[in-house]
């Protein structure tokens, strides 16, 4: 584990999440370093997405969710913030399947900056172009920015969702299976972008592609059944895991 407190961006302590009687996370404790890519791997229903939802407080929207423990960003427990909207401006989120707004491509990306008070059209144009380029979408949509975002292909909508998440220049970007609807070539291009983005933000990457975590993540955590099994520098976790369950998972024995 990273021990220097000044290097920690997100600190999770004894976090448990229940949906009704079901435990989604159990006594989770981990530290996410600043300006690195932190990978999270594990089988389905291991709690990976639940952790992301705790970090940006979208658990608030799930009925019967009960959360205990702490999730600190820069030393502030976000679970006890009275205004989670301000938190979500700092924490970008990309879900596994595209969640397009019923707006044009342009307005999908400009929506959050407009809500934050940006009115200058030239500045909005710059934000939209920058984010669409970062999401590897600009060349495909630059001549049809007034097209409804929901009319793009599934992979394009997913990249539009990524562009929208980047529009407020978040300090923390949470990616939940971002490549599930994107072709392999574009996925590799976006991976290159993520390696560049980590110079300015912390990235938490949930992926079921273990080799993607190995390629991108500085550190990786392995979850199973709502618990943290192991967390380590990525190459160490893959080449010399301390837990037999981790070894079996990264070797493809189950998933």
C-alpha atoms as a PDB file:
ATOM      1  CA  UNK A   1       0.000   0.000   0.000  1.00  0.00           C
ATOM      2  CA  UNK A   2       1.019   3.616  -0.560  1.00  0.00           C
ATOM      3  CA  UNK A   3       1.912   5.059   2.829  1.00  0.00           C
ATOM      4  CA  UNK A   4       2.825   8.704   2.162  1.00  0.00           C
ATOM      5  CA  UNK A   5      -0.383  10.579   3.008  1.00  0.00           C
ATOM      6  CA  UNK A   6       0.539  13.469   0.719  1.00  0.00           C
ATOM      7  CA  UNK A   7       0.379  11.106  -2.268  1.00  0.00           C
ATOM      8  CA  UNK A   8      -3.132   9.860  -1.507  1.00  0.00           C
ATOM      9  CA  UNK A   9      -6.028  11.383  -3.425  1.00  0.00           C
ATOM     10  CA  UNK A  10      -8.816   9.042  -2.291  1.00  0.00           C
ATOM     11  CA  UNK A  11      -8.798   7.120   0.967  1.00  0.00           C
ATOM     12  CA  UNK A  12     -11.482   4.513   1.669  1.00  0.00           C
ATOM     13  CA  UNK A  13     -11.810   3.302   5.248  1.00  0.00           C
ATOM     14  CA  UNK A  14     -13.971   0.402   6.452  1.00  0.00           C
ATOM     15  CA  UNK A  15     -16.547   1.017   3.708  1.00  0.00           C
ATOM     16  CA  UNK A  16     -19.594  -1.258   3.649  1.00  0.00           C
ATOM     17  CA  UNK A  17     -22.535  -0.885   1.270  1.00  0.00           C
ATOM     18  CA  UNK A  18     -25.793  -2.834   1.463  1.00  0.00           C
ATOM     19  CA  UNK A  19     -28.675  -2.856  -1.005  1.00  0.00           C
ATOM     20  CA  UNK A  20     -31.453  -4.111   1.204  1.00  0.00           C
ATOM     21  CA  UNK A  21     -30.140  -7.323   2.800  1.00  0.00           C
ATOM     22  CA  UNK A  22     -27.427  -7.790   0.155  1.00  0.00           C
ATOM     23  CA  UNK A  23     -23.869  -6.705   0.949  1.00  0.00           C
ATOM     24  CA  UNK A  24     -22.225  -5.153  -2.120  1.00  0.00           C
ATOM     25  CA  UNK A  25     -19.065  -4.031  -0.292  1.00  0.00           C
ATOM     26  CA  UNK A  26     -17.742  -5.376   2.994  1.00  0.00           C
ATOM     27  CA  UNK A  27     -15.282  -3.444   5.178  1.00  0.00           C
ATOM     28  CA  UNK A  28     -13.362  -2.054   2.195  1.00  0.00           C
ATOM     29  CA  UNK A  29     -10.164  -0.144   2.986  1.00  0.00           C
ATOM     30  CA  UNK A  30      -7.778   1.116   0.318  1.00  0.00           C
ATOM     31  CA  UNK A  31      -5.829   4.189  -0.799  1.00  0.00           C
ATOM     32  CA  UNK A  32      -5.793   5.615  -4.333  1.00  0.00           C
ATOM     33  CA  UNK A  33      -2.651   7.593  -5.222  1.00  0.00           C
ATOM     34  CA  UNK A  34      -2.854  11.021  -6.827  1.00  0.00           C
ATOM     35  CA  UNK A  35      -2.290  11.377 -10.580  1.00  0.00           C
ATOM     36  CA  UNK A  36      -2.003   7.695 -11.277  1.00  0.00           C
ATOM     37  CA  UNK A  37      -4.245   5.162 -12.954  1.00  0.00           C
ATOM     38  CA  UNK A  38      -5.672   2.885 -10.283  1.00  0.00           C
ATOM     39  CA  UNK A  39      -7.058  -0.329 -11.767  1.00  0.00           C
ATOM     40  CA  UNK A  40      -9.813  -2.415 -10.205  1.00  0.00           C
ATOM     41  CA  UNK A  41     -10.411  -5.940 -11.472  1.00  0.00           C
ATOM     42  CA  UNK A  42     -12.598  -8.801 -10.319  1.00  0.00           C
ATOM     43  CA  UNK A  43     -15.507 -11.006 -11.360  1.00  0.00           C
ATOM     44  CA  UNK A  44     -19.077  -9.777 -11.750  1.00  0.00           C
ATOM     45  CA  UNK A  45     -20.806  -8.655  -8.549  1.00  0.00           C
ATOM     46  CA  UNK A  46     -17.533  -8.150  -6.708  1.00  0.00           C
ATOM     47  CA  UNK A  47     -18.309  -4.524  -5.774  1.00  0.00           C
ATOM     48  CA  UNK A  48     -16.215  -2.675  -8.368  1.00  0.00           C
ATOM     49  CA  UNK A  49     -18.981  -0.384  -9.640  1.00  0.00           C
ATOM     50  CA  UNK A  50     -20.337   0.118  -6.128  1.00  0.00           C
ATOM     51  CA  UNK A  51     -17.025   1.630  -5.065  1.00  0.00           C
ATOM     52  CA  UNK A  52     -17.152   4.123  -7.946  1.00  0.00           C
ATOM     53  CA  UNK A  53     -20.711   5.051  -7.008  1.00  0.00           C
ATOM     54  CA  UNK A  54     -19.593   5.658  -3.442  1.00  0.00           C
ATOM     55  CA  UNK A  55     -16.786   7.930  -4.593  1.00  0.00           C
ATOM     56  CA  UNK A  56     -19.085  10.223  -6.591  1.00  0.00           C
ATOM     57  CA  UNK A  57     -22.174   9.763  -4.407  1.00  0.00           C
ATOM     58  CA  UNK A  58     -24.422   8.266  -7.104  1.00  0.00           C
ATOM     59  CA  UNK A  59     -25.337   5.655  -4.504  1.00  0.00           C
ATOM     60  CA  UNK A  60     -27.711   8.406  -3.349  1.00  0.00           C
ATOM     61  CA  UNK A  61     -29.961   7.515  -6.285  1.00  0.00           C
ATOM     62  CA  UNK A  62     -30.273   3.821  -5.416  1.00  0.00           C
ATOM     63  CA  UNK A  63     -33.238   3.027  -3.143  1.00  0.00           C
ATOM     64  CA  UNK A  64     -32.548   1.058   0.035  1.00  0.00           C
ATOM     65  CA  UNK A  65     -28.791   1.603  -0.179  1.00  0.00           C
ATOM     66  CA  UNK A  66     -27.092   1.795   3.214  1.00  0.00           C
ATOM     67  CA  UNK A  67     -23.525   3.090   3.393  1.00  0.00           C
ATOM     68  CA  UNK A  68     -21.152   2.913   6.359  1.00  0.00           C
ATOM     69  CA  UNK A  69     -17.516   3.971   6.622  1.00  0.00           C
ATOM     70  CA  UNK A  70     -15.669   6.860   5.006  1.00  0.00           C
ATOM     71  CA  UNK A  71     -14.588   7.901   1.518  1.00  0.00           C
ATOM     72  CA  UNK A  72     -12.178  10.824   1.716  1.00  0.00           C
ATOM     73  CA  UNK A  73     -11.060  12.942  -1.220  1.00  0.00           C
ATOM     74  CA  UNK A  74      -8.183  15.168  -0.163  1.00  0.00           C
ATOM     75  CA  UNK A  75      -9.058  14.439   3.461  1.00  0.00           C
ATOM     76  CA  UNK A  76     -12.758  15.372   3.199  1.00  0.00           C
ATOM     77  CA  UNK A  77     -15.331  12.629   3.756  1.00  0.00           C
ATOM     78  CA  UNK A  78     -17.556  12.958   0.675  1.00  0.00           C
ATOM     79  CA  UNK A  79     -20.209  10.678   2.162  1.00  0.00           C
ATOM     80  CA  UNK A  80     -21.085  13.465   4.569  1.00  0.00           C
ATOM     81  CA  UNK A  81     -21.095  16.378   2.140  1.00  0.00           C
ATOM     82  CA  UNK A  82     -24.347  18.314   2.129  1.00  0.00           C
ATOM     83  CA  UNK A  83     -23.919  19.288  -1.533  1.00  0.00           C
ATOM     84  CA  UNK A  84     -22.909  16.240  -3.609  1.00  0.00           C
ATOM     85  CA  UNK A  85     -23.483  18.253  -6.813  1.00  0.00           C
ATOM     86  CA  UNK A  86     -20.252  20.170  -6.172  1.00  0.00           C
ATOM     87  CA  UNK A  87     -18.494  16.817  -5.704  1.00  0.00           C
ATOM     88  CA  UNK A  88     -19.721  15.520  -9.065  1.00  0.00           C
ATOM     89  CA  UNK A  89     -18.182  18.522 -10.805  1.00  0.00           C
ATOM     90  CA  UNK A  90     -14.821  17.312  -9.487  1.00  0.00           C
ATOM     91  CA  UNK A  91     -15.403  13.617 -10.183  1.00  0.00           C
ATOM     92  CA  UNK A  92     -16.135  12.588 -13.770  1.00  0.00           C
ATOM     93  CA  UNK A  93     -17.942   9.284 -14.307  1.00  0.00           C
ATOM     94  CA  UNK A  94     -18.245   7.064 -17.376  1.00  0.00           C
ATOM     95  CA  UNK A  95     -20.569   4.074 -17.092  1.00  0.00           C
ATOM     96  CA  UNK A  96     -20.347   0.798 -19.062  1.00  0.00           C
ATOM     97  CA  UNK A  97     -23.095   1.725 -21.526  1.00  0.00           C
ATOM     98  CA  UNK A  98     -23.555   5.204 -23.025  1.00  0.00           C
ATOM     99  CA  UNK A  99     -25.891   7.569 -21.212  1.00  0.00           C
ATOM    100  CA  UNK A 100     -26.531  10.261 -23.820  1.00  0.00           C
ATOM    101  CA  UNK A 101     -28.525  13.381 -23.098  1.00  0.00           C
ATOM    102  CA  UNK A 102     -31.340  14.106 -25.617  1.00  0.00           C
ATOM    103  CA  UNK A 103     -29.304  17.044 -26.922  1.00  0.00           C
ATOM    104  CA  UNK A 104     -27.003  17.718 -29.840  1.00  0.00           C
ATOM    105  CA  UNK A 105     -23.450  16.396 -29.816  1.00  0.00           C
ATOM    106  CA  UNK A 106     -22.262  19.938 -29.072  1.00  0.00           C
ATOM    107  CA  UNK A 107     -24.687  20.504 -26.216  1.00  0.00           C
ATOM    108  CA  UNK A 108     -23.921  17.110 -24.660  1.00  0.00           C
ATOM    109  CA  UNK A 109     -20.372  18.314 -24.060  1.00  0.00           C
ATOM    110  CA  UNK A 110     -21.253  21.955 -23.357  1.00  0.00           C
ATOM    111  CA  UNK A 111     -24.029  21.068 -20.888  1.00  0.00           C
ATOM    112  CA  UNK A 112     -21.955  20.923 -17.688  1.00  0.00           C
ATOM    113  CA  UNK A 113     -19.838  24.019 -18.459  1.00  0.00           C
ATOM    114  CA  UNK A 114     -23.036  25.955 -19.220  1.00  0.00           C
ATOM    115  CA  UNK A 115     -24.514  24.828 -15.901  1.00  0.00           C
ATOM    116  CA  UNK A 116     -21.318  26.021 -14.222  1.00  0.00           C
ATOM    117  CA  UNK A 117     -21.799  29.495 -15.705  1.00  0.00           C
ATOM    118  CA  UNK A 118     -19.710  29.454 -18.893  1.00  0.00           C
ATOM    119  CA  UNK A 119     -21.447  31.689 -21.439  1.00  0.00           C
ATOM    120  CA  UNK A 120     -18.664  32.705 -23.820  1.00  0.00           C
ATOM    121  CA  UNK A 121     -19.332  30.877 -27.094  1.00  0.00           C
ATOM    122  CA  UNK A 122     -15.680  30.834 -28.103  1.00  0.00           C
ATOM    123  CA  UNK A 123     -14.698  29.238 -24.803  1.00  0.00           C
ATOM    124  CA  UNK A 124     -17.494  26.679 -25.132  1.00  0.00           C
ATOM    125  CA  UNK A 125     -16.313  25.881 -28.661  1.00  0.00           C
ATOM    126  CA  UNK A 126     -12.797  25.282 -27.314  1.00  0.00           C
ATOM    127  CA  UNK A 127     -14.074  23.014 -24.529  1.00  0.00           C
ATOM    128  CA  UNK A 128     -16.232  20.965 -26.919  1.00  0.00           C
ATOM    129  CA  UNK A 129     -13.436  20.480 -29.436  1.00  0.00           C
ATOM    130  CA  UNK A 130     -10.840  19.633 -26.768  1.00  0.00           C
ATOM    131  CA  UNK A 131     -13.050  17.034 -25.092  1.00  0.00           C
ATOM    132  CA  UNK A 132     -14.191  15.447 -28.343  1.00  0.00           C
ATOM    133  CA  UNK A 133     -10.567  15.161 -29.431  1.00  0.00           C
ATOM    134  CA  UNK A 134      -9.618  13.586 -26.117  1.00  0.00           C
ATOM    135  CA  UNK A 135     -12.404  11.053 -26.614  1.00  0.00           C
ATOM    136  CA  UNK A 136     -11.211  10.285 -30.163  1.00  0.00           C
ATOM    137  CA  UNK A 137     -14.528  11.501 -31.598  1.00  0.00           C
ATOM    138  CA  UNK A 138     -13.829  14.928 -33.092  1.00  0.00           C
ATOM    139  CA  UNK A 139     -12.938  13.791 -36.627  1.00  0.00           C
ATOM    140  CA  UNK A 140     -16.149  11.760 -36.837  1.00  0.00           C
ATOM    141  CA  UNK A 141     -18.565  14.460 -35.657  1.00  0.00           C
ATOM    142  CA  UNK A 142     -16.946  17.855 -36.325  1.00  0.00           C
ATOM    143  CA  UNK A 143     -19.231  18.451 -39.331  1.00  0.00           C
ATOM    144  CA  UNK A 144     -22.424  17.405 -37.532  1.00  0.00           C
ATOM    145  CA  UNK A 145     -22.188  18.851 -34.069  1.00  0.00           C
ATOM    146  CA  UNK A 146     -25.897  19.727 -34.226  1.00  0.00           C
ATOM    147  CA  UNK A 147     -26.862  16.043 -34.621  1.00  0.00           C
ATOM    148  CA  UNK A 148     -28.680  14.495 -31.678  1.00  0.00           C
ATOM    149  CA  UNK A 149     -26.140  12.607 -29.603  1.00  0.00           C
ATOM    150  CA  UNK A 150     -28.554   9.700 -29.278  1.00  0.00           C
ATOM    151  CA  UNK A 151     -28.370   9.181 -33.062  1.00  0.00           C
ATOM    152  CA  UNK A 152     -24.690   8.292 -32.956  1.00  0.00           C
ATOM    153  CA  UNK A 153     -23.611   4.664 -32.966  1.00  0.00           C
ATOM    154  CA  UNK A 154     -23.252   2.891 -29.633  1.00  0.00           C
ATOM    155  CA  UNK A 155     -19.463   3.217 -29.631  1.00  0.00           C
ATOM    156  CA  UNK A 156     -19.665   6.886 -30.598  1.00  0.00           C
ATOM    157  CA  UNK A 157     -22.185   7.548 -27.838  1.00  0.00           C
ATOM    158  CA  UNK A 158     -19.829   5.947 -25.334  1.00  0.00           C
ATOM    159  CA  UNK A 159     -17.025   8.231 -26.455  1.00  0.00           C
ATOM    160  CA  UNK A 160     -19.419  11.179 -26.267  1.00  0.00           C
ATOM    161  CA  UNK A 161     -20.090  10.206 -22.655  1.00  0.00           C
ATOM    162  CA  UNK A 162     -16.340  10.275 -22.026  1.00  0.00           C
ATOM    163  CA  UNK A 163     -16.075  13.709 -23.649  1.00  0.00           C
ATOM    164  CA  UNK A 164     -18.884  14.982 -21.430  1.00  0.00           C
ATOM    165  CA  UNK A 165     -17.135  13.624 -18.326  1.00  0.00           C
ATOM    166  CA  UNK A 166     -13.997  15.544 -19.302  1.00  0.00           C
ATOM    167  CA  UNK A 167     -15.812  18.826 -19.951  1.00  0.00           C
ATOM    168  CA  UNK A 168     -15.344  20.150 -16.402  1.00  0.00           C
ATOM    169  CA  UNK A 169     -11.681  19.081 -16.282  1.00  0.00           C
ATOM    170  CA  UNK A 170     -12.292  16.784 -13.303  1.00  0.00           C
ATOM    171  CA  UNK A 171      -9.568  16.096 -10.791  1.00  0.00           C
ATOM    172  CA  UNK A 172     -10.759  12.496 -10.568  1.00  0.00           C
ATOM    173  CA  UNK A 173     -12.076  10.397 -13.469  1.00  0.00           C
ATOM    174  CA  UNK A 174     -13.930   7.132 -12.783  1.00  0.00           C
ATOM    175  CA  UNK A 175     -14.219   4.746 -15.727  1.00  0.00           C
ATOM    176  CA  UNK A 176     -16.506   1.736 -15.413  1.00  0.00           C
ATOM    177  CA  UNK A 177     -15.846  -0.705 -18.267  1.00  0.00           C
ATOM    178  CA  UNK A 178     -15.504   2.270 -20.632  1.00  0.00           C
ATOM    179  CA  UNK A 179     -14.461   0.119 -23.597  1.00  0.00           C
ATOM    180  CA  UNK A 180     -17.375  -2.321 -23.517  1.00  0.00           C
ATOM    181  CA  UNK A 181     -19.075  -0.706 -26.559  1.00  0.00           C
ATOM    182  CA  UNK A 182     -15.950   0.549 -28.352  1.00  0.00           C
ATOM    183  CA  UNK A 183     -13.977  -1.259 -31.054  1.00  0.00           C
ATOM    184  CA  UNK A 184     -10.477  -2.477 -30.154  1.00  0.00           C
ATOM    185  CA  UNK A 185      -8.620   0.054 -32.327  1.00  0.00           C
ATOM    186  CA  UNK A 186     -10.409   3.037 -30.783  1.00  0.00           C
ATOM    187  CA  UNK A 187      -9.999   1.506 -27.322  1.00  0.00           C
ATOM    188  CA  UNK A 188      -6.233   1.429 -27.779  1.00  0.00           C
ATOM    189  CA  UNK A 189      -6.254   5.085 -28.880  1.00  0.00           C
ATOM    190  CA  UNK A 190      -8.248   6.121 -25.816  1.00  0.00           C
ATOM    191  CA  UNK A 191      -5.876   4.145 -23.619  1.00  0.00           C
ATOM    192  CA  UNK A 192      -3.069   6.338 -24.945  1.00  0.00           C
ATOM    193  CA  UNK A 193      -5.145   9.412 -24.039  1.00  0.00           C
ATOM    194  CA  UNK A 194      -5.668   8.082 -20.495  1.00  0.00           C
ATOM    195  CA  UNK A 195      -1.928   7.663 -20.045  1.00  0.00           C
ATOM    196  CA  UNK A 196      -1.578  11.338 -20.920  1.00  0.00           C
ATOM    197  CA  UNK A 197      -4.539  12.474 -18.781  1.00  0.00           C
ATOM    198  CA  UNK A 198      -3.077  10.958 -15.631  1.00  0.00           C
ATOM    199  CA  UNK A 199      -0.556  13.797 -15.657  1.00  0.00           C
ATOM    200  CA  UNK A 200      -3.395  16.137 -14.683  1.00  0.00           C
ATOM    201  CA  UNK A 201      -5.938  13.917 -12.906  1.00  0.00           C
ATOM    202  CA  UNK A 202      -6.380  10.715 -10.943  1.00  0.00           C
ATOM    203  CA  UNK A 203      -8.056   7.903 -12.905  1.00  0.00           C
ATOM    204  CA  UNK A 204      -9.891   4.976 -11.336  1.00  0.00           C
ATOM    205  CA  UNK A 205     -10.328   2.285 -13.979  1.00  0.00           C
ATOM    206  CA  UNK A 206     -12.746  -0.592 -13.451  1.00  0.00           C
ATOM    207  CA  UNK A 207     -12.225  -3.193 -16.150  1.00  0.00           C
ATOM    208  CA  UNK A 208     -13.017  -6.831 -16.805  1.00  0.00           C
ATOM    209  CA  UNK A 209     -10.131  -6.908 -19.293  1.00  0.00           C
ATOM    210  CA  UNK A 210      -7.275  -7.890 -17.027  1.00  0.00           C
ATOM    211  CA  UNK A 211      -4.679  -7.124 -19.678  1.00  0.00           C
ATOM    212  CA  UNK A 212      -6.087  -3.600 -19.990  1.00  0.00           C
ATOM    213  CA  UNK A 213      -5.419  -3.085 -16.299  1.00  0.00           C
ATOM    214  CA  UNK A 214      -1.934  -4.500 -16.747  1.00  0.00           C
ATOM    215  CA  UNK A 215      -1.237  -2.118 -19.647  1.00  0.00           C
ATOM    216  CA  UNK A 216      -2.567   1.029 -18.015  1.00  0.00           C
ATOM    217  CA  UNK A 217      -2.679   0.879 -14.232  1.00  0.00           C
ATOM    218  CA  UNK A 218       0.102   1.983 -11.910  1.00  0.00           C
ATOM    219  CA  UNK A 219      -1.526   0.048  -9.072  1.00  0.00           C
ATOM    220  CA  UNK A 220      -4.290  -2.558  -9.243  1.00  0.00           C
ATOM    221  CA  UNK A 221      -6.789  -3.907  -6.723  1.00  0.00           C
ATOM    222  CA  UNK A 222      -8.514  -7.274  -7.028  1.00  0.00           C
ATOM    223  CA  UNK A 223     -12.037  -7.512  -5.619  1.00  0.00           C
ATOM    224  CA  UNK A 224     -14.074 -10.638  -4.993  1.00  0.00           C
ATOM    225  CA  UNK A 225     -17.493 -11.001  -3.367  1.00  0.00           C
ATOM    226  CA  UNK A 226     -17.505  -7.396  -2.170  1.00  0.00           C
ATOM    227  CA  UNK A 227     -14.118  -7.577  -0.470  1.00  0.00           C
ATOM    228  CA  UNK A 228     -10.614  -6.395  -1.302  1.00  0.00           C
ATOM    229  CA  UNK A 229      -8.486  -9.500  -1.822  1.00  0.00           C
ATOM    230  CA  UNK A 230      -5.240  -7.811  -2.778  1.00  0.00           C
ATOM    231  CA  UNK A 231      -3.836  -4.445  -3.876  1.00  0.00           C
ATOM    232  CA  UNK A 232      -0.331  -3.819  -5.143  1.00  0.00           C
ATOM    233  CA  UNK A 233       1.814  -2.258  -7.832  1.00  0.00           C
ATOM    234  CA  UNK A 234       0.314  -3.622 -11.031  1.00  0.00           C
ATOM    235  CA  UNK A 235       3.223  -5.675 -12.288  1.00  0.00           C
ATOM    236  CA  UNK A 236       3.691  -7.190  -8.850  1.00  0.00           C
ATOM    237  CA  UNK A 237       0.017  -8.145  -8.621  1.00  0.00           C
ATOM    238  CA  UNK A 238       0.118  -9.823 -12.021  1.00  0.00           C
ATOM    239  CA  UNK A 239       3.520 -11.488 -11.885  1.00  0.00           C
ATOM    240  CA  UNK A 240       3.791 -12.321  -8.183  1.00  0.00           C
ATOM    241  CA  UNK A 241       0.408 -12.042  -6.424  1.00  0.00           C
ATOM    242  CA  UNK A 242       0.346 -12.742  -2.709  1.00  0.00           C
ATOM    243  CA  UNK A 243      -3.063 -14.446  -2.773  1.00  0.00           C
ATOM    244  CA  UNK A 244      -3.912 -17.697  -4.543  1.00  0.00           C
ATOM    245  CA  UNK A 245      -7.341 -16.320  -5.527  1.00  0.00           C
ATOM    246  CA  UNK A 246      -5.692 -13.368  -7.280  1.00  0.00           C
ATOM    247  CA  UNK A 247      -3.340 -15.693  -9.132  1.00  0.00           C
ATOM    248  CA  UNK A 248      -6.221 -17.826 -10.357  1.00  0.00           C
ATOM    249  CA  UNK A 249      -8.155 -14.764 -11.550  1.00  0.00           C
ATOM    250  CA  UNK A 250      -5.330 -13.066 -13.465  1.00  0.00           C
ATOM    251  CA  UNK A 251      -4.469 -16.410 -15.048  1.00  0.00           C
ATOM    252  CA  UNK A 252      -8.038 -16.737 -16.335  1.00  0.00           C
ATOM    253  CA  UNK A 253      -9.106 -19.695 -14.193  1.00  0.00           C
ATOM    254  CA  UNK A 254     -12.414 -17.918 -13.505  1.00  0.00           C
ATOM    255  CA  UNK A 255     -14.032 -14.567 -14.267  1.00  0.00           C
END
